Amino acid sequence: MKQIKLKIGRLFFALTSVVSLSVEAEVIISEYVEGTGNNKAIEISNMGDANVNLDGYQLIKFSNGSSNQTVYNYSGNLAAGASLVLYNSQSIQPFKIARHAISEIYIVKHNGNDQFTLNKNGIVVDSIGQYLNLGYFLKDVTLRRNTNITIGDTNFTDEWTSGEWTSVGKDVANGLGCPGINRCAVQGLESEALVSSSDAAVKTFKYSSLSN
């Protein structure tokens, strides 16, 4: 009987571990753009296999290596495999992909020494950059999250490394709208990738990542 209880206990631990992992892996920061002038964007993607309610998700910017915060509150439902982009409203036209993006100037106004965290109900589920670091290591770059990364970097105070990211140059907008390191291809019109939101113009094209 003791042996049976032990096996059940181990099974319960394994199941709860899987559940916790799937929650952490749902939504991550999948692309970061800091380019010329106002060419700036932040993309999040749902890496899970079910729709995610974005209520309770926040993007927080720590400006200029400080603890000063700017907060953006997400809303709506993000479909499995879909992405949502916040872009600077004063960026050049290739960044203004309004079918699957939201124009935002205050939080998407970074200059390379800012840190971003993605929070869910007050808990950090992903991050990019280094907290309280004035270094400009995120300047003049487009970074896309490597395809094998499905769980966010929750340790936002550790030293920044680019190991989870691929750099594709400066002022590159053709990867915004889909996860992965390649450019995106439109598959169809106005899919339900973003089911609903309080923000305007956020129904999306269904994008996939091309191999070249």
Protein backbone atom coordinates (compact mmCIF):
# COMPACT_ATOMS: atom_id res chain seq x y z
CA MET A 1 0.00 0.00 0.00
CA LYS A 2 2.83 2.39 0.80
CA GLN A 3 4.37 1.69 -2.58
CA ILE A 4 1.09 2.55 -4.34
CA LYS A 5 0.79 5.82 -2.41
CA LEU A 6 4.34 6.73 -3.37
CA LYS A 7 3.64 6.16 -7.05
CA ILE A 8 0.46 8.25 -6.86
CA GLY A 9 2.37 11.02 -5.13
CA ARG A 10 5.05 11.01 -7.81
CA LEU A 11 2.39 11.06 -10.52
CA PHE A 12 0.69 14.04 -8.88
CA PHE A 13 4.04 15.88 -8.69
CA ALA A 14 4.72 15.17 -12.36
CA LEU A 15 1.27 16.39 -13.40
CA THR A 16 1.50 19.60 -11.39
CA SER A 17 4.96 20.26 -12.82
CA VAL A 18 3.59 19.93 -16.35
CA VAL A 19 0.70 22.27 -15.55
CA SER A 20 3.05 24.88 -14.10
CA LEU A 21 5.33 24.63 -17.13
CA SER A 22 2.45 25.12 -19.58
CA VAL A 23 1.30 28.24 -17.72
CA GLU A 24 4.79 29.74 -17.87
CA ALA A 25 5.14 28.89 -21.56
CA GLU A 26 1.88 30.44 -22.77
CA VAL A 27 2.96 33.97 -23.74
CA ILE A 28 6.51 35.28 -24.22
CA ILE A 29 8.26 38.30 -25.71
CA SER A 30 9.12 37.04 -29.18
CA GLU A 31 10.56 40.08 -30.98
CA TYR A 32 12.26 43.34 -30.03
CA VAL A 33 13.04 46.22 -32.40
CA GLU A 34 15.11 49.30 -31.55
CA GLY A 35 16.04 51.10 -34.76
CA THR A 36 16.52 54.46 -36.39
CA GLY A 37 14.49 57.28 -34.88
CA ASN A 38 11.08 55.96 -33.83
CA ASN A 39 11.36 52.55 -35.52
CA LYS A 40 10.56 50.52 -32.43
CA ALA A 41 8.32 47.57 -31.65
CA ILE A 42 7.72 44.82 -29.10
CA GLU A 43 5.99 41.58 -30.07
CA ILE A 44 4.49 38.94 -27.79
CA SER A 45 3.42 35.48 -28.95
CA ASN A 46 1.28 32.68 -27.59
CA MET A 47 3.49 29.60 -27.65
CA GLY A 48 0.85 27.35 -26.14
CA ASP A 49 -1.81 25.23 -27.83
CA ALA A 50 -4.89 27.09 -26.60
CA ASN A 51 -6.26 30.64 -26.64
CA VAL A 52 -4.93 32.85 -23.85
CA ASN A 53 -6.94 35.58 -22.16
CA LEU A 54 -4.59 38.57 -22.03
CA ASP A 55 -6.44 40.27 -19.18
CA GLY A 56 -3.92 40.57 -16.38
CA TYR A 57 -0.92 40.67 -18.73
CA GLN A 58 1.23 43.81 -18.65
CA LEU A 59 4.28 45.00 -20.54
CA ILE A 60 6.47 47.06 -18.20
CA LYS A 61 9.35 49.24 -19.36
CA PHE A 62 12.11 50.27 -16.96
CA SER A 63 13.47 53.42 -18.60
CA ASN A 64 17.14 54.30 -19.04
CA GLY A 65 18.52 51.72 -16.66
CA SER A 66 16.34 52.93 -13.81
CA SER A 67 13.42 51.63 -11.78
CA ASN A 68 11.02 54.15 -13.39
CA GLN A 69 8.16 52.23 -14.95
CA THR A 70 5.81 52.67 -17.91
CA VAL A 71 3.03 50.08 -18.04
CA TYR A 72 0.89 48.81 -20.90
CA ASN A 73 -2.14 46.65 -20.03
CA TYR A 74 -3.05 43.98 -22.57
CA SER A 75 -6.60 42.77 -23.11
CA GLY A 76 -8.50 40.36 -25.34
CA ASN A 77 -7.69 36.77 -26.29
CA LEU A 78 -4.59 35.70 -28.18
CA ALA A 79 -4.91 32.51 -30.20
CA ALA A 80 -2.42 29.65 -30.04
CA GLY A 81 0.56 30.40 -32.27
CA ALA A 82 -0.51 34.02 -32.81
CA SER A 83 1.42 37.22 -32.13
CA LEU A 84 0.52 40.75 -31.09
CA VAL A 85 2.75 43.73 -31.83
CA LEU A 86 3.01 47.10 -30.11
CA TYR A 87 4.70 49.57 -32.44
CA ASN A 88 5.68 53.21 -32.11
CA SER A 89 3.04 55.36 -33.81
CA GLN A 90 5.76 57.57 -35.31
CA SER A 91 7.69 54.72 -36.92
CA ILE A 92 8.04 54.36 -40.70
CA GLN A 93 5.34 52.63 -42.72
CA PRO A 94 6.67 49.01 -42.67
CA PHE A 95 6.17 48.98 -38.90
CA LYS A 96 2.58 50.21 -39.15
CA ILE A 97 0.98 46.82 -39.69
CA ALA A 98 -2.33 47.79 -38.16
CA ARG A 99 -4.14 44.54 -38.95
CA HIS A 100 -2.15 42.70 -36.30
CA ALA A 101 -0.66 45.49 -34.27
CA ILE A 102 -1.45 48.30 -31.90
CA SER A 103 -0.05 51.81 -32.22
CA GLU A 104 1.50 52.88 -28.92
CA ILE A 105 4.00 55.66 -28.35
CA TYR A 106 4.65 55.88 -24.62
CA ILE A 107 5.88 52.40 -23.81
CA VAL A 108 7.37 51.67 -27.25
CA LYS A 109 9.80 54.57 -26.97
CA HIS A 110 12.95 52.76 -25.88
CA ASN A 111 16.51 53.66 -26.78
CA GLY A 112 18.61 50.57 -26.06
CA ASN A 113 19.24 50.87 -22.33
CA ASP A 114 15.70 50.07 -21.19
CA GLN A 115 14.47 46.77 -19.79
CA PHE A 116 11.09 45.18 -20.51
CA THR A 117 9.26 42.61 -18.45
CA LEU A 118 6.08 40.77 -19.36
CA ASN A 119 3.97 40.27 -16.26
CA LYS A 120 0.91 38.13 -15.60
CA ASN A 121 -1.16 39.12 -12.59
CA GLY A 122 1.84 40.91 -11.11
CA ILE A 123 4.31 38.04 -11.68
CA VAL A 124 7.18 38.31 -14.17
CA VAL A 125 6.77 35.64 -16.86
CA ASP A 126 9.41 36.97 -19.29
CA SER A 127 11.97 39.73 -19.67
CA ILE A 128 14.50 41.28 -22.02
CA GLY A 129 17.38 43.51 -20.95
CA GLN A 130 19.08 43.97 -17.62
CA TYR A 131 17.55 45.66 -14.61
CA LEU A 132 19.25 48.90 -13.48
CA ASN A 133 21.92 48.63 -16.20
CA LEU A 134 22.71 51.75 -18.24
CA GLY A 135 24.49 49.84 -21.03
CA TYR A 136 23.17 50.30 -24.57
CA PHE A 137 23.35 46.63 -25.51
CA LEU A 138 19.79 46.67 -26.94
CA LYS A 139 20.34 49.60 -29.32
CA ASP A 140 20.13 49.56 -33.16
CA VAL A 141 19.02 45.95 -33.32
CA THR A 142 16.16 43.65 -34.26
CA LEU A 143 16.08 40.57 -32.03
CA ARG A 144 13.86 37.54 -32.65
CA ARG A 145 13.37 34.81 -30.07
CA ASN A 146 14.90 31.51 -31.09
CA THR A 147 12.34 28.89 -32.07
CA ASN A 148 13.36 26.50 -29.29
CA ILE A 149 12.48 29.06 -26.60
CA THR A 150 8.92 28.57 -25.33
CA ILE A 151 9.40 29.57 -21.69
CA GLY A 152 10.09 33.14 -20.64
CA ASP A 153 13.13 34.44 -18.76
CA THR A 154 11.61 35.13 -15.35
CA ASN A 155 14.87 36.19 -13.69
CA PHE A 156 14.81 39.84 -14.72
CA THR A 157 17.65 40.89 -12.39
CA ASP A 158 20.31 38.55 -13.79
CA GLU A 159 22.97 39.59 -16.31
CA TRP A 160 21.64 40.09 -19.85
CA THR A 161 22.81 37.63 -22.49
CA SER A 162 21.59 37.28 -26.07
CA GLY A 163 21.76 33.49 -26.17
CA GLU A 164 17.98 33.07 -26.56
CA TRP A 165 17.79 35.59 -29.41
CA THR A 166 18.83 35.94 -33.06
CA SER A 167 19.84 39.36 -34.39
CA VAL A 168 18.59 40.09 -37.91
CA GLY A 169 19.90 43.62 -38.36
CA LYS A 170 18.57 47.13 -37.89
CA ASP A 171 15.16 48.56 -38.88
CA VAL A 172 13.84 45.14 -39.91
CA ALA A 173 10.03 44.87 -39.74
CA ASN A 174 9.23 41.79 -41.84
CA GLY A 175 9.25 39.41 -38.87
CA LEU A 176 6.65 41.25 -36.87
CA GLY A 177 3.39 39.35 -36.60
CA CYS A 178 4.60 35.77 -36.16
CA PRO A 179 6.92 33.93 -33.77
CA GLY A 180 10.25 32.55 -34.95
CA ILE A 181 13.44 33.95 -36.44
CA ASN A 182 12.27 34.22 -40.06
CA ARG A 183 10.13 36.75 -41.92
CA CYS A 184 6.36 36.35 -41.89
CA ALA A 185 4.00 35.37 -44.69
CA VAL A 186 0.34 36.32 -44.85
CA GLN A 187 -1.84 33.20 -44.99
CA GLY A 188 -5.28 34.73 -45.06
CA LEU A 189 -7.47 37.68 -44.19
CA GLU A 190 -8.53 38.72 -40.71
CA SER A 191 -8.18 35.44 -38.85
CA GLU A 192 -9.32 35.20 -35.27
CA ALA A 193 -5.72 35.28 -34.05
CA LEU A 194 -6.71 38.06 -31.73
CA VAL A 195 -10.31 37.33 -30.85
CA SER A 196 -11.23 40.52 -29.04
CA SER A 197 -9.68 43.53 -27.39
CA SER A 198 -10.56 46.92 -26.03
CA ASP A 199 -7.92 48.39 -28.34
CA ALA A 200 -8.78 49.46 -31.87
CA ALA A 201 -7.66 47.77 -35.09
CA VAL A 202 -6.30 44.57 -33.63
CA LYS A 203 -7.91 41.82 -35.67
CA THR A 204 -5.05 40.11 -37.40
CA PHE A 205 -3.83 38.55 -40.56
CA LYS A 206 -2.82 34.95 -39.92
CA TYR A 207 0.96 34.97 -40.21
CA SER A 208 3.43 32.14 -40.39
CA SER A 209 7.20 32.17 -40.41
CA LEU A 210 8.99 31.64 -43.74
CA SER A 211 12.27 29.81 -44.04
CA ASN A 212 13.92 32.64 -45.95
